[in-house]
Amino acid sequence: MKVVRMFRRAVRAIVPPALFLGLTAYFGWNAMQGDHGIHAYHQQLQLREQALQAQRDANDEQIVWKRRVASLDERALNADMLDERARAMLNLARTGDLVIPYGPHDKLY
């Protein structure tokens, strides 16, 4: 009987602290490594920063494109420059134009 009583006392003395220590370790691990833990929070912060940087890049590109589109306005185009560029792209010349030939490796633009 004494052995059984000593065994019960030992179990009663060891099991509750071991159980609570296990629960504490479980919740501590989840607080650090879990889906909503500290490491996941830092990863979400990094993803947020990347998304904000992508948004800033997209806004910058949108500003550039808005400026380009605004420069396509009829009042913004110079007719002489447009004519010159069109002739250069189409490789055309007027009858009175002076044509200066370039070598095969020399580029006009």
N, C-alpha and C. Protein backbone atom coordinates (compact mmCIF):
# COMPACT_ATOMS: atom_id res chain seq x y z
N MET A 1 0.79 -1.19 0.00
CA MET A 1 0.00 0.00 0.00
C MET A 1 0.84 1.26 0.00
N LYS A 2 1.90 1.21 0.75
CA LYS A 2 2.73 2.39 0.81
C LYS A 2 3.30 2.74 -0.56
N VAL A 3 3.63 1.75 -1.32
CA VAL A 3 4.22 1.99 -2.65
C VAL A 3 3.18 2.65 -3.56
N VAL A 4 1.96 2.17 -3.49
CA VAL A 4 0.90 2.73 -4.32
C VAL A 4 0.64 4.18 -3.91
N ARG A 5 0.61 4.46 -2.62
CA ARG A 5 0.37 5.80 -2.12
C ARG A 5 1.51 6.73 -2.53
N MET A 6 2.73 6.26 -2.47
CA MET A 6 3.89 7.07 -2.87
C MET A 6 3.85 7.34 -4.38
N PHE A 7 3.42 6.32 -5.10
CA PHE A 7 3.31 6.50 -6.56
C PHE A 7 2.25 7.55 -6.89
N ARG A 8 1.10 7.49 -6.20
CA ARG A 8 0.05 8.48 -6.43
C ARG A 8 0.53 9.88 -6.06
N ARG A 9 1.22 10.03 -4.98
CA ARG A 9 1.75 11.34 -4.58
C ARG A 9 2.73 11.87 -5.64
N ALA A 10 3.56 10.99 -6.11
CA ALA A 10 4.54 11.40 -7.13
C ALA A 10 3.84 11.84 -8.41
N VAL A 11 2.81 11.09 -8.81
CA VAL A 11 2.05 11.45 -10.01
C VAL A 11 1.35 12.79 -9.80
N ARG A 12 0.73 12.99 -8.65
CA ARG A 12 0.04 14.24 -8.35
C ARG A 12 1.02 15.41 -8.26
N ALA A 13 2.23 15.16 -7.88
CA ALA A 13 3.22 16.24 -7.77
C ALA A 13 3.87 16.56 -9.11
N ILE A 14 3.91 15.59 -10.01
CA ILE A 14 4.62 15.81 -11.28
C ILE A 14 3.68 16.17 -12.42
N VAL A 15 2.51 15.56 -12.52
CA VAL A 15 1.64 15.73 -13.69
C VAL A 15 1.13 17.17 -13.83
N PRO A 16 0.55 17.83 -12.84
CA PRO A 16 0.05 19.19 -13.07
C PRO A 16 1.14 20.19 -13.52
N PRO A 17 2.31 20.24 -12.85
CA PRO A 17 3.32 21.17 -13.35
C PRO A 17 3.81 20.81 -14.76
N ALA A 18 3.91 19.52 -15.08
CA ALA A 18 4.33 19.11 -16.42
C ALA A 18 3.28 19.51 -17.44
N LEU A 19 2.00 19.35 -17.08
CA LEU A 19 0.92 19.74 -17.97
C LEU A 19 0.96 21.26 -18.22
N PHE A 20 1.07 22.05 -17.18
CA PHE A 20 1.11 23.50 -17.34
C PHE A 20 2.38 23.96 -18.06
N LEU A 21 3.48 23.30 -17.82
CA LEU A 21 4.72 23.62 -18.53
C LEU A 21 4.57 23.30 -20.01
N GLY A 22 3.91 22.18 -20.33
CA GLY A 22 3.67 21.84 -21.73
C GLY A 22 2.75 22.84 -22.41
N LEU A 23 1.69 23.25 -21.71
CA LEU A 23 0.79 24.26 -22.27
C LEU A 23 1.52 25.59 -22.49
N THR A 24 2.35 25.97 -21.54
CA THR A 24 3.12 27.21 -21.68
C THR A 24 4.06 27.13 -22.87
N ALA A 25 4.72 26.00 -23.05
CA ALA A 25 5.62 25.82 -24.19
C ALA A 25 4.83 25.85 -25.50
N TYR A 26 3.65 25.23 -25.54
CA TYR A 26 2.82 25.22 -26.74
C TYR A 26 2.40 26.65 -27.12
N PHE A 27 1.88 27.39 -26.17
CA PHE A 27 1.44 28.75 -26.47
C PHE A 27 2.62 29.68 -26.77
N GLY A 28 3.74 29.45 -26.10
CA GLY A 28 4.94 30.24 -26.40
C GLY A 28 5.43 29.99 -27.82
N TRP A 29 5.44 28.73 -28.22
CA TRP A 29 5.88 28.41 -29.59
C TRP A 29 4.93 29.03 -30.61
N ASN A 30 3.62 28.94 -30.36
CA ASN A 30 2.65 29.53 -31.28
C ASN A 30 2.77 31.05 -31.32
N ALA A 31 3.12 31.66 -30.21
CA ALA A 31 3.30 33.11 -30.20
C ALA A 31 4.48 33.53 -31.06
N MET A 32 5.47 32.68 -31.19
CA MET A 32 6.63 33.02 -32.00
C MET A 32 6.51 32.49 -33.43
N GLN A 33 6.13 31.24 -33.61
CA GLN A 33 6.18 30.57 -34.91
C GLN A 33 4.82 30.34 -35.55
N GLY A 34 3.73 30.58 -34.87
CA GLY A 34 2.41 30.24 -35.38
C GLY A 34 1.97 31.14 -36.53
N ASP A 35 0.76 30.89 -37.02
CA ASP A 35 0.22 31.66 -38.15
C ASP A 35 0.08 33.13 -37.82
N HIS A 36 -0.16 33.45 -36.57
CA HIS A 36 -0.32 34.85 -36.16
C HIS A 36 0.77 35.25 -35.18
N GLY A 37 1.91 34.60 -35.24
CA GLY A 37 3.00 34.87 -34.32
C GLY A 37 3.87 36.03 -34.77
N ILE A 38 4.95 36.23 -34.04
CA ILE A 38 5.85 37.36 -34.28
C ILE A 38 6.55 37.24 -35.62
N HIS A 39 6.98 36.05 -35.98
CA HIS A 39 7.66 35.87 -37.27
C HIS A 39 6.71 36.13 -38.43
N ALA A 40 5.49 35.65 -38.32
CA ALA A 40 4.49 35.90 -39.36
C ALA A 40 4.19 37.39 -39.46
N TYR A 41 4.17 38.07 -38.32
CA TYR A 41 3.92 39.51 -38.32
C TYR A 41 5.03 40.25 -39.06
N HIS A 42 6.28 39.86 -38.84
CA HIS A 42 7.40 40.49 -39.54
C HIS A 42 7.34 40.19 -41.04
N GLN A 43 6.95 38.99 -41.42
CA GLN A 43 6.80 38.67 -42.83
C GLN A 43 5.70 39.52 -43.46
N GLN A 44 4.61 39.72 -42.74
CA GLN A 44 3.53 40.56 -43.25
C GLN A 44 3.99 42.01 -43.40
N LEU A 45 4.82 42.48 -42.48
CA LEU A 45 5.36 43.84 -42.60
C LEU A 45 6.24 43.97 -43.84
N GLN A 46 7.05 42.94 -44.12
CA GLN A 46 7.89 42.98 -45.31
C GLN A 46 7.04 42.95 -46.58
N LEU A 47 6.00 42.12 -46.60
CA LEU A 47 5.11 42.08 -47.75
C LEU A 47 4.39 43.41 -47.94
N ARG A 48 4.02 44.03 -46.83
CA ARG A 48 3.36 45.35 -46.91
C ARG A 48 4.30 46.38 -47.50
N GLU A 49 5.55 46.37 -47.07
CA GLU A 49 6.53 47.32 -47.59
C GLU A 49 6.77 47.09 -49.08
N GLN A 50 6.83 45.83 -49.50
CA GLN A 50 6.98 45.53 -50.93
C GLN A 50 5.77 46.01 -51.72
N ALA A 51 4.58 45.83 -51.16
CA ALA A 51 3.37 46.28 -51.85
C ALA A 51 3.33 47.81 -51.94
N LEU A 52 3.76 48.49 -50.88
CA LEU A 52 3.80 49.95 -50.92
C LEU A 52 4.82 50.44 -51.94
N GLN A 53 5.96 49.76 -52.04
CA GLN A 53 6.97 50.14 -53.03
C GLN A 53 6.44 49.92 -54.44
N ALA A 54 5.73 48.82 -54.65
CA ALA A 54 5.13 48.55 -55.97
C ALA A 54 4.09 49.62 -56.30
N GLN A 55 3.33 50.05 -55.30
CA GLN A 55 2.34 51.10 -55.52
C GLN A 55 3.02 52.42 -55.88
N ARG A 56 4.11 52.75 -55.18
CA ARG A 56 4.85 53.98 -55.51
C ARG A 56 5.41 53.91 -56.93
N ASP A 57 5.95 52.75 -57.30
CA ASP A 57 6.47 52.59 -58.67
C ASP A 57 5.36 52.74 -59.70
N ALA A 58 4.22 52.15 -59.41
CA ALA A 58 3.09 52.25 -60.35
C ALA A 58 2.60 53.69 -60.46
N ASN A 59 2.57 54.41 -59.34
CA ASN A 59 2.17 55.82 -59.39
C ASN A 59 3.16 56.66 -60.18
N ASP A 60 4.45 56.39 -60.00
CA ASP A 60 5.46 57.12 -60.76
C ASP A 60 5.31 56.85 -62.26
N GLU A 61 5.09 55.59 -62.60
CA GLU A 61 4.92 55.24 -64.02
C GLU A 61 3.64 55.87 -64.58
N GLN A 62 2.60 55.93 -63.77
CA GLN A 62 1.35 56.55 -64.21
C GLN A 62 1.55 58.05 -64.46
N ILE A 63 2.34 58.70 -63.63
CA ILE A 63 2.62 60.12 -63.83
C ILE A 63 3.38 60.33 -65.14
N VAL A 64 4.35 59.44 -65.40
CA VAL A 64 5.12 59.54 -66.66
C VAL A 64 4.19 59.38 -67.85
N TRP A 65 3.29 58.38 -67.79
CA TRP A 65 2.39 58.15 -68.91
C TRP A 65 1.38 59.29 -69.07
N LYS A 66 0.93 59.86 -67.97
CA LYS A 66 0.03 61.00 -68.06
C LYS A 66 0.71 62.19 -68.74
N ARG A 67 1.99 62.39 -68.40
CA ARG A 67 2.74 63.47 -69.04
C ARG A 67 2.91 63.20 -70.53
N ARG A 68 3.17 61.96 -70.90
CA ARG A 68 3.32 61.61 -72.31
C ARG A 68 2.01 61.80 -73.07
N VAL A 69 0.92 61.38 -72.47
CA VAL A 69 -0.37 61.52 -73.12
C VAL A 69 -0.73 63.00 -73.26
N ALA A 70 -0.42 63.79 -72.23
CA ALA A 70 -0.71 65.21 -72.30
C ALA A 70 0.12 65.89 -73.39
N SER A 71 1.31 65.39 -73.64
CA SER A 71 2.15 65.98 -74.68
C SER A 71 1.67 65.60 -76.09
N LEU A 72 0.76 64.66 -76.20
CA LEU A 72 0.19 64.29 -77.49
C LEU A 72 -0.94 65.23 -77.91
N ASP A 73 -1.23 66.20 -77.08
CA ASP A 73 -2.27 67.16 -77.40
C ASP A 73 -1.92 67.91 -78.68
N GLU A 74 -2.93 68.31 -79.39
CA GLU A 74 -2.72 68.98 -80.68
C GLU A 74 -1.91 70.26 -80.53
N ARG A 75 -2.12 70.96 -79.43
CA ARG A 75 -1.39 72.22 -79.22
C ARG A 75 0.05 71.97 -78.81
N ALA A 76 0.38 70.78 -78.29
CA ALA A 76 1.72 70.50 -77.83
C ALA A 76 2.65 70.04 -78.95
N LEU A 77 2.10 69.64 -80.10
CA LEU A 77 2.92 69.14 -81.19
C LEU A 77 3.40 70.29 -82.07
N ASN A 78 4.65 70.28 -82.43
CA ASN A 78 5.20 71.24 -83.37
C ASN A 78 5.13 70.59 -84.75
N ALA A 79 4.47 71.25 -85.68
CA ALA A 79 4.24 70.65 -87.00
C ALA A 79 5.55 70.38 -87.73
N ASP A 80 6.53 71.26 -87.62
CA ASP A 80 7.80 71.05 -88.30
C ASP A 80 8.54 69.84 -87.73
N MET A 81 8.54 69.73 -86.40
CA MET A 81 9.24 68.59 -85.78
C MET A 81 8.52 67.29 -86.12
N LEU A 82 7.20 67.33 -86.16
CA LEU A 82 6.43 66.15 -86.51
C LEU A 82 6.71 65.72 -87.95
N ASP A 83 6.75 66.68 -88.85
CA ASP A 83 7.04 66.39 -90.25
C ASP A 83 8.45 65.83 -90.40
N GLU A 84 9.40 66.45 -89.70
CA GLU A 84 10.80 65.97 -89.78
C GLU A 84 10.92 64.55 -89.26
N ARG A 85 10.27 64.27 -88.15
CA ARG A 85 10.37 62.93 -87.56
C ARG A 85 9.66 61.89 -88.45
N ALA A 86 8.53 62.25 -89.02
CA ALA A 86 7.82 61.33 -89.89
C ALA A 86 8.65 61.01 -91.13
N ARG A 87 9.29 62.02 -91.70
CA ARG A 87 10.12 61.78 -92.88
C ARG A 87 11.34 60.92 -92.53
N ALA A 88 11.92 61.15 -91.35
CA ALA A 88 13.06 60.34 -90.94
C ALA A 88 12.65 58.89 -90.73
N MET A 89 11.49 58.66 -90.12
CA MET A 89 11.03 57.30 -89.85
C MET A 89 10.65 56.58 -91.15
N LEU A 90 10.06 57.32 -92.09
CA LEU A 90 9.61 56.70 -93.34
C LEU A 90 10.68 56.72 -94.43
N ASN A 91 11.80 57.37 -94.14
CA ASN A 91 12.91 57.47 -95.08
C ASN A 91 12.46 58.18 -96.37
N LEU A 92 11.78 59.32 -96.20
CA LEU A 92 11.27 60.10 -97.32
C LEU A 92 11.95 61.47 -97.34
N ALA A 93 11.92 62.11 -98.50
CA ALA A 93 12.47 63.46 -98.63
C ALA A 93 11.66 64.22 -99.67
N ARG A 94 11.68 65.54 -99.53
CA ARG A 94 11.02 66.39 -100.54
C ARG A 94 11.98 66.61 -101.70
N THR A 95 11.46 67.20 -102.75
CA THR A 95 12.30 67.42 -103.93
C THR A 95 13.40 68.42 -103.66
N GLY A 96 13.20 69.39 -102.79
CA GLY A 96 14.22 70.41 -102.53
C GLY A 96 15.10 70.11 -101.33
N ASP A 97 14.91 68.98 -100.68
CA ASP A 97 15.69 68.66 -99.49
C ASP A 97 17.10 68.24 -99.85
N LEU A 98 18.02 68.59 -98.98
CA LEU A 98 19.42 68.20 -99.12
C LEU A 98 19.60 66.88 -98.37
N VAL A 99 20.03 65.83 -99.04
CA VAL A 99 20.18 64.51 -98.44
C VAL A 99 21.65 64.24 -98.21
N ILE A 100 22.00 63.95 -96.98
CA ILE A 100 23.38 63.62 -96.62
C ILE A 100 23.41 62.14 -96.28
N PRO A 101 24.07 61.32 -97.07
CA PRO A 101 24.08 59.87 -96.79
C PRO A 101 25.00 59.54 -95.61
N TYR A 102 24.55 58.63 -94.82
CA TYR A 102 25.32 58.13 -93.69
C TYR A 102 25.85 56.74 -94.04
N GLY A 103 26.92 56.38 -93.36
CA GLY A 103 27.47 55.04 -93.56
C GLY A 103 26.56 53.99 -92.94
N PRO A 104 26.81 52.71 -93.22
CA PRO A 104 25.92 51.66 -92.70
C PRO A 104 25.94 51.57 -91.17
N HIS A 105 27.05 51.98 -90.53
CA HIS A 105 27.15 51.87 -89.07
C HIS A 105 26.90 53.20 -88.36
N ASP A 106 26.76 54.30 -89.11
CA ASP A 106 26.49 55.59 -88.54
C ASP A 106 24.98 55.80 -88.50
N LYS A 107 24.47 56.08 -87.31
CA LYS A 107 23.02 56.23 -87.17
C LYS A 107 22.68 57.70 -86.95
N LEU A 108 21.57 58.11 -87.52
CA LEU A 108 21.10 59.47 -87.36
C LEU A 108 20.54 59.69 -85.97
N TYR A 109 19.89 58.69 -85.45
CA TYR A 109 19.27 58.80 -84.13
C TYR A 109 19.38 57.49 -83.40
